[in-house]
Amino acid sequence: LEDFNGDKAYAKYSTFNIGDQSTNYILTVNGYSGTAGDALKFHDKDAFSTKDKDNDRDGRNCAERYKGAWWYKSCHISNLNGLYLGHKSDPSGIIWWQWKENQSMRTASMMILGQT
């Protein structure tokens, strides 16, 4: 993650798994380390939601409300598929609450390594 001031942080997980279509691509995360805070733990065991496939646990369609597909619960504390909003505090942006709350990020990357 990088904010618009050039500050950087990361989150690393020893367990990161995405289920198949039959589970609605359920997310499993565990074993956090890093400098950004464990914002994905909130989304652990949640199905992936899109605006046309509402799988979250909220009465609202979180993907539609926050303009991006993600592993929403009710609704989110991280969303790397949010809108690119520039230097703005908005929950519809690319956010990682444990690090910068609703401050939209300049960049975000997810890197997945296979097990050896």
PDB file of N, CA and C in Angstrom:
ATOM      1  N   LEU A   1       0.845  -1.182   0.000  1.00  0.00           N
ATOM      2  CA  LEU A   1       0.000   0.000   0.000  1.00  0.00           C
ATOM      3  C   LEU A   1       0.882   1.234   0.000  1.00  0.00           C
ATOM      4  N   GLU A   2       0.434   2.260  -0.713  1.00  0.00           N
ATOM      5  CA  GLU A   2       1.119   3.547  -0.672  1.00  0.00           C
ATOM      6  C   GLU A   2       0.073   4.653  -0.690  1.00  0.00           C
ATOM      7  N   ASP A   3       0.223   5.604   0.235  1.00  0.00           N
ATOM      8  CA  ASP A   3      -0.716   6.723   0.256  1.00  0.00           C
ATOM      9  C   ASP A   3      -0.175   7.875  -0.597  1.00  0.00           C
ATOM     10  N   PHE A   4      -0.893   8.967  -0.624  1.00  0.00           N
ATOM     11  CA  PHE A   4      -0.511  10.094  -1.474  1.00  0.00           C
ATOM     12  C   PHE A   4       0.605  10.955  -0.887  1.00  0.00           C
ATOM     13  N   ASN A   5       1.047  10.637   0.332  1.00  0.00           N
ATOM     14  CA  ASN A   5       2.210  11.297   0.920  1.00  0.00           C
ATOM     15  C   ASN A   5       3.487  10.499   0.678  1.00  0.00           C
ATOM     16  N   GLY A   6       3.359   9.342   0.032  1.00  0.00           N
ATOM     17  CA  GLY A   6       4.510   8.480  -0.206  1.00  0.00           C
ATOM     18  C   GLY A   6       4.782   7.493   0.908  1.00  0.00           C
ATOM     19  N   ASP A   7       3.938   7.483   1.946  1.00  0.00           N
ATOM     20  CA  ASP A   7       4.085   6.506   3.024  1.00  0.00           C
ATOM     21  C   ASP A   7       3.678   5.132   2.512  1.00  0.00           C
ATOM     22  N   LYS A   8       4.407   4.096   2.947  1.00  0.00           N
ATOM     23  CA  LYS A   8       4.138   2.735   2.487  1.00  0.00           C
ATOM     24  C   LYS A   8       3.960   1.796   3.666  1.00  0.00           C
ATOM     25  N   ALA A   9       3.137   0.783   3.466  1.00  0.00           N
ATOM     26  CA  ALA A   9       2.917  -0.254   4.469  1.00  0.00           C
ATOM     27  C   ALA A   9       2.570  -1.547   3.742  1.00  0.00           C
ATOM     28  N   TYR A  10       2.675  -2.657   4.472  1.00  0.00           N
ATOM     29  CA  TYR A  10       2.335  -3.943   3.863  1.00  0.00           C
ATOM     30  C   TYR A  10       1.667  -4.852   4.886  1.00  0.00           C
ATOM     31  N   ALA A  11       0.955  -5.819   4.367  1.00  0.00           N
ATOM     32  CA  ALA A  11       0.358  -6.891   5.170  1.00  0.00           C
ATOM     33  C   ALA A  11       0.739  -8.206   4.503  1.00  0.00           C
ATOM     34  N   LYS A  12       1.230  -9.139   5.293  1.00  0.00           N
ATOM     35  CA  LYS A  12       1.625 -10.455   4.790  1.00  0.00           C
ATOM     36  C   LYS A  12       0.839 -11.504   5.570  1.00  0.00           C
ATOM     37  N   TYR A  13       0.374 -12.522   4.865  1.00  0.00           N
ATOM     38  CA  TYR A  13      -0.410 -13.585   5.488  1.00  0.00           C
ATOM     39  C   TYR A  13       0.232 -14.931   5.186  1.00  0.00           C
ATOM     40  N   SER A  14       0.406 -15.747   6.217  1.00  0.00           N
ATOM     41  CA  SER A  14       0.959 -17.087   5.993  1.00  0.00           C
ATOM     42  C   SER A  14      -0.083 -17.998   5.359  1.00  0.00           C
ATOM     43  N   THR A  15      -1.354 -17.692   5.581  1.00  0.00           N
ATOM     44  CA  THR A  15      -2.448 -18.413   4.929  1.00  0.00           C
ATOM     45  C   THR A  15      -3.294 -17.415   4.156  1.00  0.00           C
ATOM     46  N   PHE A  16      -3.437 -17.641   2.861  1.00  0.00           N
ATOM     47  CA  PHE A  16      -4.300 -16.835   2.002  1.00  0.00           C
ATOM     48  C   PHE A  16      -4.872 -17.787   0.972  1.00  0.00           C
ATOM     49  N   ASN A  17      -6.173 -18.028   1.056  1.00  0.00           N
ATOM     50  CA  ASN A  17      -6.805 -18.978   0.152  1.00  0.00           C
ATOM     51  C   ASN A  17      -8.133 -18.405  -0.339  1.00  0.00           C
ATOM     52  N   ILE A  18      -8.413 -18.635  -1.604  1.00  0.00           N
ATOM     53  CA  ILE A  18      -9.690 -18.244  -2.194  1.00  0.00           C
ATOM     54  C   ILE A  18     -10.366 -19.511  -2.683  1.00  0.00           C
ATOM     55  N   GLY A  19     -11.577 -19.750  -2.202  1.00  0.00           N
ATOM     56  CA  GLY A  19     -12.331 -20.939  -2.586  1.00  0.00           C
ATOM     57  C   GLY A  19     -12.763 -20.899  -4.042  1.00  0.00           C
ATOM     58  N   ASP A  20     -13.411 -21.964  -4.463  1.00  0.00           N
ATOM     59  CA  ASP A  20     -13.860 -22.052  -5.855  1.00  0.00           C
ATOM     60  C   ASP A  20     -15.264 -21.455  -6.018  1.00  0.00           C
ATOM     61  N   GLN A  21     -15.785 -21.564  -7.216  1.00  0.00           N
ATOM     62  CA  GLN A  21     -17.089 -20.977  -7.545  1.00  0.00           C
ATOM     63  C   GLN A  21     -18.202 -21.502  -6.642  1.00  0.00           C
ATOM     64  N   SER A  22     -18.140 -22.777  -6.260  1.00  0.00           N
ATOM     65  CA  SER A  22     -19.204 -23.360  -5.429  1.00  0.00           C
ATOM     66  C   SER A  22     -19.273 -22.723  -4.044  1.00  0.00           C
ATOM     67  N   THR A  23     -18.176 -22.084  -3.585  1.00  0.00           N
ATOM     68  CA  THR A  23     -18.158 -21.397  -2.292  1.00  0.00           C
ATOM     69  C   THR A  23     -18.308 -19.886  -2.448  1.00  0.00           C
ATOM     70  N   ASN A  24     -18.579 -19.439  -3.672  1.00  0.00           N
ATOM     71  CA  ASN A  24     -18.609 -18.002  -3.983  1.00  0.00           C
ATOM     72  C   ASN A  24     -17.266 -17.342  -3.676  1.00  0.00           C
ATOM     73  N   TYR A  25     -16.199 -18.099  -3.916  1.00  0.00           N
ATOM     74  CA  TYR A  25     -14.827 -17.596  -3.783  1.00  0.00           C
ATOM     75  C   TYR A  25     -14.535 -17.092  -2.372  1.00  0.00           C
ATOM     76  N   ILE A  26     -14.919 -17.900  -1.392  1.00  0.00           N
ATOM     77  CA  ILE A  26     -14.731 -17.538   0.010  1.00  0.00           C
ATOM     78  C   ILE A  26     -13.253 -17.299   0.317  1.00  0.00           C
ATOM     79  N   LEU A  27     -12.985 -16.273   1.112  1.00  0.00           N
ATOM     80  CA  LEU A  27     -11.629 -15.894   1.491  1.00  0.00           C
ATOM     81  C   LEU A  27     -11.268 -16.527   2.830  1.00  0.00           C
ATOM     82  N   THR A  28     -10.077 -17.097   2.905  1.00  0.00           N
ATOM     83  CA  THR A  28      -9.534 -17.601   4.164  1.00  0.00           C
ATOM     84  C   THR A  28      -8.167 -16.965   4.360  1.00  0.00           C
ATOM     85  N   VAL A  29      -8.000 -16.215   5.447  1.00  0.00           N
ATOM     86  CA  VAL A  29      -6.715 -15.586   5.759  1.00  0.00           C
ATOM     87  C   VAL A  29      -6.352 -15.850   7.209  1.00  0.00           C
ATOM     88  N   ASN A  30      -5.045 -15.945   7.460  1.00  0.00           N
ATOM     89  CA  ASN A  30      -4.542 -16.152   8.815  1.00  0.00           C
ATOM     90  C   ASN A  30      -3.043 -15.867   8.811  1.00  0.00           C
ATOM     91  N   GLY A  31      -2.483 -15.691   9.979  1.00  0.00           N
ATOM     92  CA  GLY A  31      -1.042 -15.531  10.114  1.00  0.00           C
ATOM     93  C   GLY A  31      -0.526 -14.186   9.635  1.00  0.00           C
ATOM     94  N   TYR A  32      -1.170 -13.109  10.072  1.00  0.00           N
ATOM     95  CA  TYR A  32      -0.763 -11.759   9.658  1.00  0.00           C
ATOM     96  C   TYR A  32       0.599 -11.372  10.237  1.00  0.00           C
ATOM     97  N   SER A  33       1.367 -10.669   9.426  1.00  0.00           N
ATOM     98  CA  SER A  33       2.532  -9.909   9.878  1.00  0.00           C
ATOM     99  C   SER A  33       2.631  -8.691   8.961  1.00  0.00           C
ATOM    100  N   GLY A  34       3.281  -7.640   9.422  1.00  0.00           N
ATOM    101  CA  GLY A  34       3.436  -6.468   8.570  1.00  0.00           C
ATOM    102  C   GLY A  34       3.310  -5.166   9.316  1.00  0.00           C
ATOM    103  N   THR A  35       3.158  -4.087   8.547  1.00  0.00           N
ATOM    104  CA  THR A  35       3.120  -2.734   9.100  1.00  0.00           C
ATOM    105  C   THR A  35       1.784  -2.028   8.873  1.00  0.00           C
ATOM    106  N   ALA A  36       0.888  -2.654   8.117  1.00  0.00           N
ATOM    107  CA  ALA A  36      -0.372  -2.000   7.745  1.00  0.00           C
ATOM    108  C   ALA A  36      -1.524  -2.294   8.700  1.00  0.00           C
ATOM    109  N   GLY A  37      -1.392  -3.295   9.546  1.00  0.00           N
ATOM    110  CA  GLY A  37      -2.499  -3.737  10.376  1.00  0.00           C
ATOM    111  C   GLY A  37      -3.282  -4.823   9.661  1.00  0.00           C
ATOM    112  N   ASP A  38      -3.963  -5.642  10.427  1.00  0.00           N
ATOM    113  CA  ASP A  38      -4.630  -6.840   9.898  1.00  0.00           C
ATOM    114  C   ASP A  38      -6.053  -6.548   9.439  1.00  0.00           C
ATOM    115  N   ALA A  39      -6.204  -5.808   8.365  1.00  0.00           N
ATOM    116  CA  ALA A  39      -7.530  -5.435   7.871  1.00  0.00           C
ATOM    117  C   ALA A  39      -8.247  -6.564   7.142  1.00  0.00           C
ATOM    118  N   LEU A  40      -7.544  -7.585   6.677  1.00  0.00           N
ATOM    119  CA  LEU A  40      -8.231  -8.690   5.994  1.00  0.00           C
ATOM    120  C   LEU A  40      -8.883  -9.666   6.965  1.00  0.00           C
ATOM    121  N   LYS A  41      -8.438  -9.706   8.219  1.00  0.00           N
ATOM    122  CA  LYS A  41      -9.011 -10.654   9.184  1.00  0.00           C
ATOM    123  C   LYS A  41     -10.523 -10.453   9.313  1.00  0.00           C
ATOM    124  N   PHE A  42     -10.984  -9.220   9.234  1.00  0.00           N
ATOM    125  CA  PHE A  42     -12.412  -8.909   9.288  1.00  0.00           C
ATOM    126  C   PHE A  42     -13.172  -9.624   8.176  1.00  0.00           C
ATOM    127  N   HIS A  43     -12.515  -9.841   7.042  1.00  0.00           N
ATOM    128  CA  HIS A  43     -13.152 -10.433   5.864  1.00  0.00           C
ATOM    129  C   HIS A  43     -12.939 -11.942   5.763  1.00  0.00           C
ATOM    130  N   ASP A  44     -12.245 -12.524   6.742  1.00  0.00           N
ATOM    131  CA  ASP A  44     -12.001 -13.966   6.753  1.00  0.00           C
ATOM    132  C   ASP A  44     -13.322 -14.730   6.740  1.00  0.00           C
ATOM    133  N   LYS A  45     -13.410 -15.717   5.900  1.00  0.00           N
ATOM    134  CA  LYS A  45     -14.584 -16.595   5.742  1.00  0.00           C
ATOM    135  C   LYS A  45     -15.758 -15.893   5.054  1.00  0.00           C
ATOM    136  N   ASP A  46     -15.482 -14.800   4.357  1.00  0.00           N
ATOM    137  CA  ASP A  46     -16.531 -14.103   3.610  1.00  0.00           C
ATOM    138  C   ASP A  46     -16.465 -14.451   2.133  1.00  0.00           C
ATOM    139  N   ALA A  47     -17.626 -14.495   1.503  1.00  0.00           N
ATOM    140  CA  ALA A  47     -17.724 -14.763   0.069  1.00  0.00           C
ATOM    141  C   ALA A  47     -17.472 -13.473  -0.707  1.00  0.00           C
ATOM    142  N   PHE A  48     -17.049 -13.613  -1.938  1.00  0.00           N
ATOM    143  CA  PHE A  48     -16.776 -12.474  -2.815  1.00  0.00           C
ATOM    144  C   PHE A  48     -18.093 -11.930  -3.350  1.00  0.00           C
ATOM    145  N   SER A  49     -18.257 -10.625  -3.302  1.00  0.00           N
ATOM    146  CA  SER A  49     -19.483  -9.975  -3.778  1.00  0.00           C
ATOM    147  C   SER A  49     -19.181  -9.018  -4.916  1.00  0.00           C
ATOM    148  N   THR A  50     -20.094  -8.976  -5.870  1.00  0.00           N
ATOM    149  CA  THR A  50     -20.061  -7.998  -6.949  1.00  0.00           C
ATOM    150  C   THR A  50     -21.412  -7.291  -6.954  1.00  0.00           C
ATOM    151  N   LYS A  51     -21.540  -6.229  -7.738  1.00  0.00           N
ATOM    152  CA  LYS A  51     -22.810  -5.499  -7.732  1.00  0.00           C
ATOM    153  C   LYS A  51     -23.970  -6.362  -8.210  1.00  0.00           C
ATOM    154  N   ASP A  52     -23.693  -7.375  -9.043  1.00  0.00           N
ATOM    155  CA  ASP A  52     -24.767  -8.252  -9.523  1.00  0.00           C
ATOM    156  C   ASP A  52     -24.794  -9.614  -8.826  1.00  0.00           C
ATOM    157  N   LYS A  53     -23.933  -9.821  -7.827  1.00  0.00           N
ATOM    158  CA  LYS A  53     -23.894 -11.073  -7.056  1.00  0.00           C
ATOM    159  C   LYS A  53     -23.601 -10.705  -5.607  1.00  0.00           C
ATOM    160  N   ASP A  54     -24.658 -10.347  -4.878  1.00  0.00           N
ATOM    161  CA  ASP A  54     -24.551  -9.843  -3.510  1.00  0.00           C
ATOM    162  C   ASP A  54     -24.426 -11.010  -2.532  1.00  0.00           C
ATOM    163  N   ASN A  55     -23.213 -11.294  -2.091  1.00  0.00           N
ATOM    164  CA  ASN A  55     -22.965 -12.394  -1.156  1.00  0.00           C
ATOM    165  C   ASN A  55     -22.590 -11.919   0.239  1.00  0.00           C
ATOM    166  N   ASP A  56     -22.696 -10.616   0.517  1.00  0.00           N
ATOM    167  CA  ASP A  56     -22.290 -10.122   1.829  1.00  0.00           C
ATOM    168  C   ASP A  56     -23.358 -10.409   2.877  1.00  0.00           C
ATOM    169  N   ARG A  57     -23.020 -10.110   4.130  1.00  0.00           N
ATOM    170  CA  ARG A  57     -23.925 -10.381   5.258  1.00  0.00           C
ATOM    171  C   ARG A  57     -24.708  -9.139   5.680  1.00  0.00           C
ATOM    172  N   ASP A  58     -24.668  -8.118   4.852  1.00  0.00           N
ATOM    173  CA  ASP A  58     -25.327  -6.860   5.155  1.00  0.00           C
ATOM    174  C   ASP A  58     -26.651  -6.789   4.405  1.00  0.00           C
ATOM    175  N   GLY A  59     -27.597  -6.040   4.911  1.00  0.00           N
ATOM    176  CA  GLY A  59     -28.877  -5.873   4.232  1.00  0.00           C
ATOM    177  C   GLY A  59     -28.779  -5.056   2.956  1.00  0.00           C
ATOM    178  N   ARG A  60     -27.700  -4.301   2.841  1.00  0.00           N
ATOM    179  CA  ARG A  60     -27.455  -3.505   1.635  1.00  0.00           C
ATOM    180  C   ARG A  60     -26.522  -4.284   0.716  1.00  0.00           C
ATOM    181  N   ASN A  61     -26.449  -3.897  -0.526  1.00  0.00           N
ATOM    182  CA  ASN A  61     -25.486  -4.488  -1.453  1.00  0.00           C
ATOM    183  C   ASN A  61     -24.193  -3.682  -1.336  1.00  0.00           C
ATOM    184  N   CYS A  62     -23.244  -4.201  -0.561  1.00  0.00           N
ATOM    185  CA  CYS A  62     -22.011  -3.453  -0.291  1.00  0.00           C
ATOM    186  C   CYS A  62     -21.201  -3.185  -1.552  1.00  0.00           C
ATOM    187  N   ALA A  63     -21.159  -4.128  -2.484  1.00  0.00           N
ATOM    188  CA  ALA A  63     -20.391  -3.939  -3.723  1.00  0.00           C
ATOM    189  C   ALA A  63     -20.965  -2.789  -4.545  1.00  0.00           C
ATOM    190  N   GLU A  64     -22.267  -2.686  -4.571  1.00  0.00           N
ATOM    191  CA  GLU A  64     -22.907  -1.585  -5.297  1.00  0.00           C
ATOM    192  C   GLU A  64     -22.693  -0.267  -4.557  1.00  0.00           C
ATOM    193  N   ARG A  65     -22.869  -0.311  -3.256  1.00  0.00           N
ATOM    194  CA  ARG A  65     -22.744   0.898  -2.441  1.00  0.00           C
ATOM    195  C   ARG A  65     -21.332   1.479  -2.485  1.00  0.00           C
ATOM    196  N   TYR A  66     -20.315   0.606  -2.439  1.00  0.00           N
ATOM    197  CA  TYR A  66     -18.928   1.073  -2.393  1.00  0.00           C
ATOM    198  C   TYR A  66     -18.197   0.940  -3.723  1.00  0.00           C
ATOM    199  N   LYS A  67     -18.932   0.655  -4.778  1.00  0.00           N
ATOM    200  CA  LYS A  67     -18.441   0.723  -6.163  1.00  0.00           C
ATOM    201  C   LYS A  67     -17.264  -0.193  -6.477  1.00  0.00           C
ATOM    202  N   GLY A  68     -17.272  -1.396  -5.899  1.00  0.00           N
ATOM    203  CA  GLY A  68     -16.201  -2.331  -6.224  1.00  0.00           C
ATOM    204  C   GLY A  68     -16.462  -3.698  -5.638  1.00  0.00           C
ATOM    205  N   ALA A  69     -16.033  -4.721  -6.327  1.00  0.00           N
ATOM    206  CA  ALA A  69     -16.183  -6.096  -5.850  1.00  0.00           C
ATOM    207  C   ALA A  69     -15.144  -6.379  -4.763  1.00  0.00           C
ATOM    208  N   TRP A  70     -15.547  -7.153  -3.732  1.00  0.00           N
ATOM    209  CA  TRP A  70     -14.634  -7.451  -2.616  1.00  0.00           C
ATOM    210  C   TRP A  70     -15.251  -8.531  -1.747  1.00  0.00           C
ATOM    211  N   TRP A  71     -14.520  -8.981  -0.751  1.00  0.00           N
ATOM    212  CA  TRP A  71     -15.025  -9.949   0.227  1.00  0.00           C
ATOM    213  C   TRP A  71     -15.711  -9.163   1.346  1.00  0.00           C
ATOM    214  N   TYR A  72     -16.884  -8.668   1.053  1.00  0.00           N
ATOM    215  CA  TYR A  72     -17.613  -7.839   2.018  1.00  0.00           C
ATOM    216  C   TYR A  72     -18.264  -8.698   3.093  1.00  0.00           C
ATOM    217  N   LYS A  73     -18.304  -8.144   4.285  1.00  0.00           N
ATOM    218  CA  LYS A  73     -19.053  -8.735   5.392  1.00  0.00           C
ATOM    219  C   LYS A  73     -20.235  -7.815   5.620  1.00  0.00           C
ATOM    220  N   SER A  74     -19.996  -6.715   6.331  1.00  0.00           N
ATOM    221  CA  SER A  74     -21.067  -5.750   6.601  1.00  0.00           C
ATOM    222  C   SER A  74     -20.495  -4.350   6.872  1.00  0.00           C
ATOM    223  N   CYS A  75     -19.928  -3.680   6.040  1.00  0.00           N
ATOM    224  CA  CYS A  75     -19.524  -3.999   4.681  1.00  0.00           C
ATOM    225  C   CYS A  75     -18.018  -4.285   4.622  1.00  0.00           C
ATOM    226  N   HIS A  76     -17.133  -3.318   5.012  1.00  0.00           N
ATOM    227  CA  HIS A  76     -15.709  -3.587   4.885  1.00  0.00           C
ATOM    228  C   HIS A  76     -14.873  -2.697   5.795  1.00  0.00           C
ATOM    229  N   ILE A  77     -13.643  -3.163   6.043  1.00  0.00           N
ATOM    230  CA  ILE A  77     -12.617  -2.308   6.642  1.00  0.00           C
ATOM    231  C   ILE A  77     -11.372  -2.289   5.760  1.00  0.00           C
ATOM    232  N   SER A  78     -11.426  -3.044   4.692  1.00  0.00           N
ATOM    233  CA  SER A  78     -10.416  -2.928   3.638  1.00  0.00           C
ATOM    234  C   SER A  78     -11.134  -3.136   2.316  1.00  0.00           C
ATOM    235  N   ASN A  79     -10.639  -2.471   1.291  1.00  0.00           N
ATOM    236  CA  ASN A  79     -11.193  -2.657  -0.050  1.00  0.00           C
ATOM    237  C   ASN A  79     -10.155  -2.182  -1.057  1.00  0.00           C
ATOM    238  N   LEU A  80      -9.434  -3.125  -1.623  1.00  0.00           N
ATOM    239  CA  LEU A  80      -8.408  -2.775  -2.605  1.00  0.00           C
ATOM    240  C   LEU A  80      -8.987  -2.653  -4.002  1.00  0.00           C
ATOM    241  N   ASN A  81     -10.278  -2.926  -4.155  1.00  0.00           N
ATOM    242  CA  ASN A  81     -10.969  -2.747  -5.432  1.00  0.00           C
ATOM    243  C   ASN A  81     -11.876  -1.528  -5.419  1.00  0.00           C
ATOM    244  N   GLY A  82     -11.649  -0.612  -4.477  1.00  0.00           N
ATOM    245  CA  GLY A  82     -12.446   0.605  -4.412  1.00  0.00           C
ATOM    246  C   GLY A  82     -12.092   1.570  -5.536  1.00  0.00           C
ATOM    247  N   LEU A  83     -12.749   2.703  -5.526  1.00  0.00           N
ATOM    248  CA  LEU A  83     -12.523   3.729  -6.545  1.00  0.00           C
ATOM    249  C   LEU A  83     -11.202   4.463  -6.310  1.00  0.00           C
ATOM    250  N   TYR A  84     -10.562   4.868  -7.390  1.00  0.00           N
ATOM    251  CA  TYR A  84      -9.359   5.697  -7.296  1.00  0.00           C
ATOM    252  C   TYR A  84      -9.826   7.139  -7.136  1.00  0.00           C
ATOM    253  N   LEU A  85      -9.702   7.668  -5.923  1.00  0.00           N
ATOM    254  CA  LEU A  85     -10.297   8.966  -5.604  1.00  0.00           C
ATOM    255  C   LEU A  85      -9.283  10.069  -5.354  1.00  0.00           C
ATOM    256  N   GLY A  86      -8.027   9.788  -5.568  1.00  0.00           N
ATOM    257  CA  GLY A  86      -7.029  10.789  -5.242  1.00  0.00           C
ATOM    258  C   GLY A  86      -6.872  10.903  -3.737  1.00  0.00           C
ATOM    259  N   HIS A  87      -6.319  11.996  -3.288  1.00  0.00           N
ATOM    260  CA  HIS A  87      -6.044  12.211  -1.865  1.00  0.00           C
ATOM    261  C   HIS A  87      -7.340  12.633  -1.168  1.00  0.00           C
ATOM    262  N   LYS A  88      -8.181  11.664  -0.878  1.00  0.00           N
ATOM    263  CA  LYS A  88      -9.502  11.936  -0.318  1.00  0.00           C
ATOM    264  C   LYS A  88      -9.847  10.860   0.709  1.00  0.00           C
ATOM    265  N   SER A  89     -10.532  11.250   1.767  1.00  0.00           N
ATOM    266  CA  SER A  89     -11.019  10.295   2.752  1.00  0.00           C
ATOM    267  C   SER A  89     -12.456   9.933   2.405  1.00  0.00           C
ATOM    268  N   ASP A  90     -12.656   8.685   1.978  1.00  0.00           N
ATOM    269  CA  ASP A  90     -13.969   8.244   1.506  1.00  0.00           C
ATOM    270  C   ASP A  90     -14.008   6.720   1.550  1.00  0.00           C
ATOM    271  N   PRO A  91     -15.008   6.117   2.188  1.00  0.00           N
ATOM    272  CA  PRO A  91     -15.061   4.653   2.270  1.00  0.00           C
ATOM    273  C   PRO A  91     -15.255   3.959   0.927  1.00  0.00           C
ATOM    274  N   SER A  92     -15.551   4.699  -0.132  1.00  0.00           N
ATOM    275  CA  SER A  92     -15.662   4.101  -1.469  1.00  0.00           C
ATOM    276  C   SER A  92     -14.306   3.988  -2.162  1.00  0.00           C
ATOM    277  N   GLY A  93     -13.270   4.528  -1.539  1.00  0.00           N
ATOM    278  CA  GLY A  93     -11.940   4.507  -2.135  1.00  0.00           C
ATOM    279  C   GLY A  93     -11.200   3.205  -1.882  1.00  0.00           C
ATOM    280  N   ILE A  94      -9.948   3.192  -2.289  1.00  0.00           N
ATOM    281  CA  ILE A  94      -9.045   2.067  -2.030  1.00  0.00           C
ATOM    282  C   ILE A  94      -8.552   2.250  -0.601  1.00  0.00           C
ATOM    283  N   ILE A  95      -9.092   1.471   0.331  1.00  0.00           N
ATOM    284  CA  ILE A  95      -8.810   1.730   1.747  1.00  0.00           C
ATOM    285  C   ILE A  95      -8.274   0.501   2.476  1.00  0.00           C
ATOM    286  N   TRP A  96      -7.579   0.797   3.570  1.00  0.00           N
ATOM    287  CA  TRP A  96      -7.079  -0.212   4.513  1.00  0.00           C
ATOM    288  C   TRP A  96      -7.195   0.434   5.886  1.00  0.00           C
ATOM    289  N   TRP A  97      -8.337   0.229   6.543  1.00  0.00           N
ATOM    290  CA  TRP A  97      -8.725   0.965   7.749  1.00  0.00           C
ATOM    291  C   TRP A  97      -7.663   0.930   8.846  1.00  0.00           C
ATOM    292  N   GLN A  98      -7.054  -0.205   9.109  1.00  0.00           N
ATOM    293  CA  GLN A  98      -6.099  -0.307  10.217  1.00  0.00           C
ATOM    294  C   GLN A  98      -4.861   0.558  10.010  1.00  0.00           C
ATOM    295  N   TRP A  99      -4.628   0.982   8.792  1.00  0.00           N
ATOM    296  CA  TRP A  99      -3.454   1.821   8.536  1.00  0.00           C
ATOM    297  C   TRP A  99      -3.830   3.295   8.417  1.00  0.00           C
ATOM    298  N   LYS A 100      -4.761   3.631   7.549  1.00  0.00           N
ATOM    299  CA  LYS A 100      -5.099   5.034   7.281  1.00  0.00           C
ATOM    300  C   LYS A 100      -6.606   5.301   7.300  1.00  0.00           C
ATOM    301  N   GLU A 101      -7.346   4.425   7.948  1.00  0.00           N
ATOM    302  CA  GLU A 101      -8.802   4.541   8.027  1.00  0.00           C
ATOM    303  C   GLU A 101      -9.398   4.662   6.626  1.00  0.00           C
ATOM    304  N   ASN A 102     -10.222   5.675   6.365  1.00  0.00           N
ATOM    305  CA  ASN A 102     -10.878   5.802   5.053  1.00  0.00           C
ATOM    306  C   ASN A 102     -10.075   6.621   4.041  1.00  0.00           C
ATOM    307  N   GLN A 103      -8.804   6.862   4.330  1.00  0.00           N
ATOM    308  CA  GLN A 103      -7.959   7.610   3.394  1.00  0.00           C
ATOM    309  C   GLN A 103      -7.688   6.754   2.163  1.00  0.00           C
ATOM    310  N   SER A 104      -8.063   7.252   1.007  1.00  0.00           N
ATOM    311  CA  SER A 104      -7.879   6.492  -0.226  1.00  0.00           C
ATOM    312  C   SER A 104      -6.394   6.385  -0.570  1.00  0.00           C
ATOM    313  N   MET A 105      -5.987   5.206  -0.995  1.00  0.00           N
ATOM    314  CA  MET A 105      -4.593   4.920  -1.319  1.00  0.00           C
ATOM    315  C   MET A 105      -4.248   5.337  -2.746  1.00  0.00           C
ATOM    316  N   ARG A 106      -2.981   5.658  -2.947  1.00  0.00           N
ATOM    317  CA  ARG A 106      -2.465   5.936  -4.286  1.00  0.00           C
ATOM    318  C   ARG A 106      -2.275   4.634  -5.048  1.00  0.00           C
ATOM    319  N   THR A 107      -1.685   3.640  -4.386  1.00  0.00           N
ATOM    320  CA  THR A 107      -1.481   2.332  -5.013  1.00  0.00           C
ATOM    321  C   THR A 107      -1.735   1.222  -4.008  1.00  0.00           C
ATOM    322  N   ALA A 108      -2.127   0.094  -4.528  1.00  0.00           N
ATOM    323  CA  ALA A 108      -2.290  -1.127  -3.734  1.00  0.00           C
ATOM    324  C   ALA A 108      -1.973  -2.308  -4.640  1.00  0.00           C
ATOM    325  N   SER A 109      -1.259  -3.265  -4.109  1.00  0.00           N
ATOM    326  CA  SER A 109      -0.909  -4.471  -4.868  1.00  0.00           C
ATOM    327  C   SER A 109      -1.171  -5.692  -4.009  1.00  0.00           C
ATOM    328  N   MET A 110      -1.650  -6.737  -4.641  1.00  0.00           N
ATOM    329  CA  MET A 110      -1.768  -8.038  -3.982  1.00  0.00           C
ATOM    330  C   MET A 110      -0.848  -8.993  -4.733  1.00  0.00           C
ATOM    331  N   MET A 111       0.045  -9.627  -3.997  1.00  0.00           N
ATOM    332  CA  MET A 111       0.983 -10.575  -4.594  1.00  0.00           C
ATOM    333  C   MET A 111       0.807 -11.917  -3.908  1.00  0.00           C
ATOM    334  N   ILE A 112       0.647 -12.948  -4.694  1.00  0.00           N
ATOM    335  CA  ILE A 112       0.401 -14.283  -4.155  1.00  0.00           C
ATOM    336  C   ILE A 112       1.516 -15.202  -4.625  1.00  0.00           C
ATOM    337  N   LEU A 113       2.177 -15.841  -3.666  1.00  0.00           N
ATOM    338  CA  LEU A 113       3.227 -16.802  -3.968  1.00  0.00           C
ATOM    339  C   LEU A 113       2.686 -18.207  -3.765  1.00  0.00           C
ATOM    340  N   GLY A 114       3.011 -19.094  -4.657  1.00  0.00           N
ATOM    341  CA  GLY A 114       2.624 -20.492  -4.495  1.00  0.00           C
ATOM    342  C   GLY A 114       3.448 -21.153  -3.405  1.00  0.00           C
ATOM    343  N   GLN A 115       2.912 -22.196  -2.827  1.00  0.00           N
ATOM    344  CA  GLN A 115       3.652 -22.928  -1.807  1.00  0.00           C
ATOM    345  C   GLN A 115       4.687 -23.825  -2.464  1.00  0.00           C
ATOM    346  N   THR A 116       5.815 -23.979  -1.794  1.00  0.00           N
ATOM    347  CA  THR A 116       6.870 -24.839  -2.333  1.00  0.00           C
ATOM    348  C   THR A 116       6.938 -26.146  -1.588  1.00  0.00           C
TER     349      THR A 116
END
